[in-house]
Structure formats: C-alpha cells, structure tokens
Amino acid sequence: MNLRNCSRCGKMFNYISGEEICENCKKELEDSFQTVKKFIEENPGAGLKEIAEKCEVTTKQIKKWIIEERLMFSKDSPLQLTCENCGARIPTGRLCAKCKASMANNLTNTFQKPKPVAKPEPKKEEKAGMHFIQK
C-alpha cells in the first residue's frame, strides 16, 4: 500500500498514480471543472479573472485545465493562447496542430528502424566454356 497525504486537504489516502490528491478532492475538482465549463459556455466573452471569481476556482487551476486541453476557448474569446513553439494563436493546449504534427513526425522518424542498405551484387564474369540452357 502506498499511503500519501492529499496535496489539497492533507488527508491520507492510497496513492496509485497521477496527482497526489484523494478521491474526495478529485470529485470536488471535477465538480468545479463542470461549473467552469458551463460558465464559459454561457459567457463566452468572460475573462480569466471573472471566470475564477464567479466559479470560485483559482486562475492557476483554470490555466492547468487549458494546458491539459480540457477547456477550449472560442476565437472571439478575450482569452488567447499562443503556441509555445511558433507563437500562433491556439484555443487550447500548448502547441498548435501544425507543431504537434511536426513533433509527432520527428519522434516517429527518430524511432523508426534504419532501413538496410542494399549492397550491389558482385558482377558475374562470364567464363569461357560450355553453357547449359534450361528448358
């Protein structure tokens, strides 16, 4: 058993993986997420501070959900994110679709098995003598 203290409430719990928070705090966090999501859908022009105040959630937590791609903002939203690689405007996450694809291709190319180099066959010299014809 892997016992740890919840980073939010301090209560001991059996840690399996992921964030070090207990099941009760995970449920509260998910309820908060649903509240924020609903508020954003109903108020697409709301700013980060307004969302945090009305939903009683920290701006840090909202930013975390954005980076995790759980929240996405419309193009007309005052909240604008930029790709960490190229600077393009993105609605959620850390990278634009183009940079994600490029990164995935680079990883794929890095881990592909090298293709064997074909060696040229040595030239056969014709020898003088008798040749057989196959029928």
C-alpha atoms as a PDB file:
ATOM      1  CA  MET A   1       0.000   0.000   0.000  1.00  0.00           C
ATOM      2  CA  ASN A   2       1.358   3.425  -0.984  1.00  0.00           C
ATOM      3  CA  LEU A   3      -0.028   5.946   1.517  1.00  0.00           C
ATOM      4  CA  ARG A   4       0.379   9.650   0.874  1.00  0.00           C
ATOM      5  CA  ASN A   5      -1.119  12.881   2.107  1.00  0.00           C
ATOM      6  CA  CYS A   6      -3.508  14.711  -0.221  1.00  0.00           C
ATOM      7  CA  SER A   7      -1.864  17.875  -1.535  1.00  0.00           C
ATOM      8  CA  ARG A   8      -5.184  19.755  -1.206  1.00  0.00           C
ATOM      9  CA  CYS A   9      -6.716  18.651   2.104  1.00  0.00           C
ATOM     10  CA  GLY A  10      -3.857  16.798   3.823  1.00  0.00           C
ATOM     11  CA  LYS A  11      -5.880  13.621   4.370  1.00  0.00           C
ATOM     12  CA  MET A  12      -4.023  10.296   3.968  1.00  0.00           C
ATOM     13  CA  PHE A  13      -5.050   8.140   1.023  1.00  0.00           C
ATOM     14  CA  ASN A  14      -3.857   5.160  -1.012  1.00  0.00           C
ATOM     15  CA  TYR A  15      -1.903   6.692  -3.891  1.00  0.00           C
ATOM     16  CA  ILE A  16      -1.966   4.864  -7.221  1.00  0.00           C
ATOM     17  CA  SER A  17      -0.869   7.364  -9.889  1.00  0.00           C
ATOM     18  CA  GLY A  18      -1.361  10.886 -11.202  1.00  0.00           C
ATOM     19  CA  GLU A  19      -1.885  13.875  -8.969  1.00  0.00           C
ATOM     20  CA  GLU A  20      -1.410  13.374  -5.270  1.00  0.00           C
ATOM     21  CA  ILE A  21      -4.996  14.142  -4.285  1.00  0.00           C
ATOM     22  CA  CYS A  22      -7.590  11.989  -2.525  1.00  0.00           C
ATOM     23  CA  GLU A  23     -10.798  10.739  -4.128  1.00  0.00           C
ATOM     24  CA  ASN A  24     -12.938  13.376  -2.367  1.00  0.00           C
ATOM     25  CA  CYS A  25     -10.744  16.200  -3.677  1.00  0.00           C
ATOM     26  CA  LYS A  26     -10.759  14.644  -7.178  1.00  0.00           C
ATOM     27  CA  LYS A  27     -14.550  14.686  -7.103  1.00  0.00           C
ATOM     28  CA  GLU A  28     -14.637  18.306  -5.881  1.00  0.00           C
ATOM     29  CA  LEU A  29     -12.160  19.279  -8.596  1.00  0.00           C
ATOM     30  CA  GLU A  30     -14.253  17.571 -11.276  1.00  0.00           C
ATOM     31  CA  ASP A  31     -17.398  19.337 -10.000  1.00  0.00           C
ATOM     32  CA  SER A  32     -15.505  22.653 -10.180  1.00  0.00           C
ATOM     33  CA  PHE A  33     -14.417  21.836 -13.720  1.00  0.00           C
ATOM     34  CA  GLN A  34     -18.007  21.194 -14.789  1.00  0.00           C
ATOM     35  CA  THR A  35     -19.061  24.511 -13.208  1.00  0.00           C
ATOM     36  CA  VAL A  36     -16.306  26.398 -15.070  1.00  0.00           C
ATOM     37  CA  LYS A  37     -17.125  24.644 -18.344  1.00  0.00           C
ATOM     38  CA  LYS A  38     -20.806  25.551 -18.042  1.00  0.00           C
ATOM     39  CA  PHE A  39     -19.969  29.165 -17.137  1.00  0.00           C
ATOM     40  CA  ILE A  40     -17.696  29.517 -20.184  1.00  0.00           C
ATOM     41  CA  GLU A  41     -20.382  28.090 -22.482  1.00  0.00           C
ATOM     42  CA  GLU A  42     -22.941  30.575 -21.102  1.00  0.00           C
ATOM     43  CA  ASN A  43     -20.475  33.516 -21.012  1.00  0.00           C
ATOM     44  CA  PRO A  44     -18.067  33.124 -23.945  1.00  0.00           C
ATOM     45  CA  GLY A  45     -16.703  36.678 -23.532  1.00  0.00           C
ATOM     46  CA  ALA A  46     -15.698  36.255 -19.875  1.00  0.00           C
ATOM     47  CA  GLY A  47     -12.088  36.860 -18.843  1.00  0.00           C
ATOM     48  CA  LEU A  48      -9.954  34.548 -16.751  1.00  0.00           C
ATOM     49  CA  LYS A  49     -10.337  36.556 -13.520  1.00  0.00           C
ATOM     50  CA  GLU A  50     -14.105  36.807 -13.950  1.00  0.00           C
ATOM     51  CA  ILE A  51     -14.386  33.046 -14.525  1.00  0.00           C
ATOM     52  CA  ALA A  52     -12.237  32.341 -11.466  1.00  0.00           C
ATOM     53  CA  GLU A  53     -14.257  34.693  -9.234  1.00  0.00           C
ATOM     54  CA  LYS A  54     -17.706  33.570 -10.362  1.00  0.00           C
ATOM     55  CA  CYS A  55     -16.848  29.855 -10.205  1.00  0.00           C
ATOM     56  CA  GLU A  56     -14.702  30.088  -7.051  1.00  0.00           C
ATOM     57  CA  VAL A  57     -11.718  28.440  -8.715  1.00  0.00           C
ATOM     58  CA  THR A  58      -8.132  29.676  -8.888  1.00  0.00           C
ATOM     59  CA  THR A  59      -6.811  31.099 -12.156  1.00  0.00           C
ATOM     60  CA  LYS A  60      -3.929  28.632 -11.788  1.00  0.00           C
ATOM     61  CA  GLN A  61      -6.377  25.707 -11.886  1.00  0.00           C
ATOM     62  CA  ILE A  62      -8.161  27.130 -14.952  1.00  0.00           C
ATOM     63  CA  LYS A  63      -4.819  27.542 -16.746  1.00  0.00           C
ATOM     64  CA  LYS A  64      -3.973  23.940 -15.879  1.00  0.00           C
ATOM     65  CA  TRP A  65      -7.218  22.722 -17.464  1.00  0.00           C
ATOM     66  CA  ILE A  66      -6.458  24.778 -20.575  1.00  0.00           C
ATOM     67  CA  ILE A  67      -2.962  23.282 -20.900  1.00  0.00           C
ATOM     68  CA  GLU A  68      -4.402  19.786 -20.352  1.00  0.00           C
ATOM     69  CA  GLU A  69      -6.797  20.581 -23.258  1.00  0.00           C
ATOM     70  CA  ARG A  70      -9.864  20.073 -21.084  1.00  0.00           C
ATOM     71  CA  LEU A  71     -11.026  23.646 -21.726  1.00  0.00           C
ATOM     72  CA  MET A  72     -11.148  25.307 -25.119  1.00  0.00           C
ATOM     73  CA  PHE A  73     -11.951  28.926 -25.889  1.00  0.00           C
ATOM     74  CA  SER A  74     -13.681  30.310 -28.962  1.00  0.00           C
ATOM     75  CA  LYS A  75     -11.876  32.571 -31.430  1.00  0.00           C
ATOM     76  CA  ASP A  76     -13.741  35.647 -30.177  1.00  0.00           C
ATOM     77  CA  SER A  77     -12.844  34.950 -26.537  1.00  0.00           C
ATOM     78  CA  PRO A  78     -10.678  37.554 -24.793  1.00  0.00           C
ATOM     79  CA  LEU A  79      -8.528  34.667 -23.567  1.00  0.00           C
ATOM     80  CA  GLN A  80      -5.988  33.976 -26.263  1.00  0.00           C
ATOM     81  CA  LEU A  81      -3.263  31.375 -26.026  1.00  0.00           C
ATOM     82  CA  THR A  82      -0.198  31.104 -28.207  1.00  0.00           C
ATOM     83  CA  CYS A  83       1.690  28.044 -29.378  1.00  0.00           C
ATOM     84  CA  GLU A  84       4.817  27.623 -27.271  1.00  0.00           C
ATOM     85  CA  ASN A  85       6.773  26.668 -30.381  1.00  0.00           C
ATOM     86  CA  CYS A  86       5.745  29.047 -33.180  1.00  0.00           C
ATOM     87  CA  GLY A  87       3.580  31.680 -31.467  1.00  0.00           C
ATOM     88  CA  ALA A  88       0.403  31.012 -33.476  1.00  0.00           C
ATOM     89  CA  ARG A  89      -2.925  31.619 -31.715  1.00  0.00           C
ATOM     90  CA  ILE A  90      -4.490  28.433 -30.346  1.00  0.00           C
ATOM     91  CA  PRO A  91      -7.774  27.740 -28.497  1.00  0.00           C
ATOM     92  CA  THR A  92      -6.309  25.231 -26.009  1.00  0.00           C
ATOM     93  CA  GLY A  93      -3.196  23.307 -25.025  1.00  0.00           C
ATOM     94  CA  ARG A  94       0.427  24.248 -25.510  1.00  0.00           C
ATOM     95  CA  LEU A  95       1.079  23.633 -29.217  1.00  0.00           C
ATOM     96  CA  CYS A  96      -0.793  24.330 -32.449  1.00  0.00           C
ATOM     97  CA  ALA A  97      -1.877  21.432 -34.650  1.00  0.00           C
ATOM     98  CA  LYS A  98       0.980  22.058 -37.109  1.00  0.00           C
ATOM     99  CA  CYS A  99       3.658  21.926 -34.381  1.00  0.00           C
ATOM    100  CA  LYS A 100       2.071  18.839 -32.802  1.00  0.00           C
ATOM    101  CA  ALA A 101       2.153  17.049 -36.161  1.00  0.00           C
ATOM    102  CA  SER A 102       5.743  18.120 -36.776  1.00  0.00           C
ATOM    103  CA  MET A 103       6.787  16.893 -33.339  1.00  0.00           C
ATOM    104  CA  ALA A 104       4.991  13.569 -33.869  1.00  0.00           C
ATOM    105  CA  ASN A 105       6.726  13.114 -37.250  1.00  0.00           C
ATOM    106  CA  ASN A 106      10.110  13.881 -35.702  1.00  0.00           C
ATOM    107  CA  LEU A 107       9.525  11.314 -32.969  1.00  0.00           C
ATOM    108  CA  THR A 108       8.346   8.719 -35.478  1.00  0.00           C
ATOM    109  CA  ASN A 109      11.387   9.300 -37.675  1.00  0.00           C
ATOM    110  CA  THR A 110      13.698   9.106 -34.663  1.00  0.00           C
ATOM    111  CA  PHE A 111      12.386   5.751 -33.513  1.00  0.00           C
ATOM    112  CA  GLN A 112      11.990   4.055 -36.897  1.00  0.00           C
ATOM    113  CA  LYS A 113      14.293   1.131 -37.557  1.00  0.00           C
ATOM    114  CA  PRO A 114      17.009   2.051 -40.021  1.00  0.00           C
ATOM    115  CA  LYS A 115      16.412   0.642 -43.455  1.00  0.00           C
ATOM    116  CA  PRO A 116      19.069  -1.839 -44.561  1.00  0.00           C
ATOM    117  CA  VAL A 117      21.314  -0.544 -47.276  1.00  0.00           C
ATOM    118  CA  ALA A 118      21.161  -2.747 -50.346  1.00  0.00           C
ATOM    119  CA  LYS A 119      24.610  -3.975 -51.335  1.00  0.00           C
ATOM    120  CA  PRO A 120      25.224  -4.266 -55.032  1.00  0.00           C
ATOM    121  CA  GLU A 121      25.673  -7.818 -56.196  1.00  0.00           C
ATOM    122  CA  PRO A 122      29.124  -8.606 -57.444  1.00  0.00           C
ATOM    123  CA  LYS A 123      29.377  -8.775 -61.200  1.00  0.00           C
ATOM    124  CA  LYS A 124      29.481 -12.254 -62.585  1.00  0.00           C
ATOM    125  CA  GLU A 125      32.172 -12.736 -65.070  1.00  0.00           C
ATOM    126  CA  GLU A 126      31.350 -14.900 -67.993  1.00  0.00           C
ATOM    127  CA  LYS A 127      33.674 -17.771 -68.289  1.00  0.00           C
ATOM    128  CA  ALA A 128      34.600 -19.427 -71.462  1.00  0.00           C
ATOM    129  CA  GLY A 129      33.269 -22.893 -71.783  1.00  0.00           C
ATOM    130  CA  MET A 130      30.036 -24.746 -72.078  1.00  0.00           C
ATOM    131  CA  HIS A 131      26.708 -23.102 -71.191  1.00  0.00           C
ATOM    132  CA  PHE A 132      23.515 -25.002 -70.383  1.00  0.00           C
ATOM    133  CA  ILE A 133      20.089 -23.792 -71.478  1.00  0.00           C
ATOM    134  CA  GLN A 134      17.231 -24.587 -69.117  1.00  0.00           C
ATOM    135  CA  LYS A 135      14.002 -25.890 -70.709  1.00  0.00           C
END
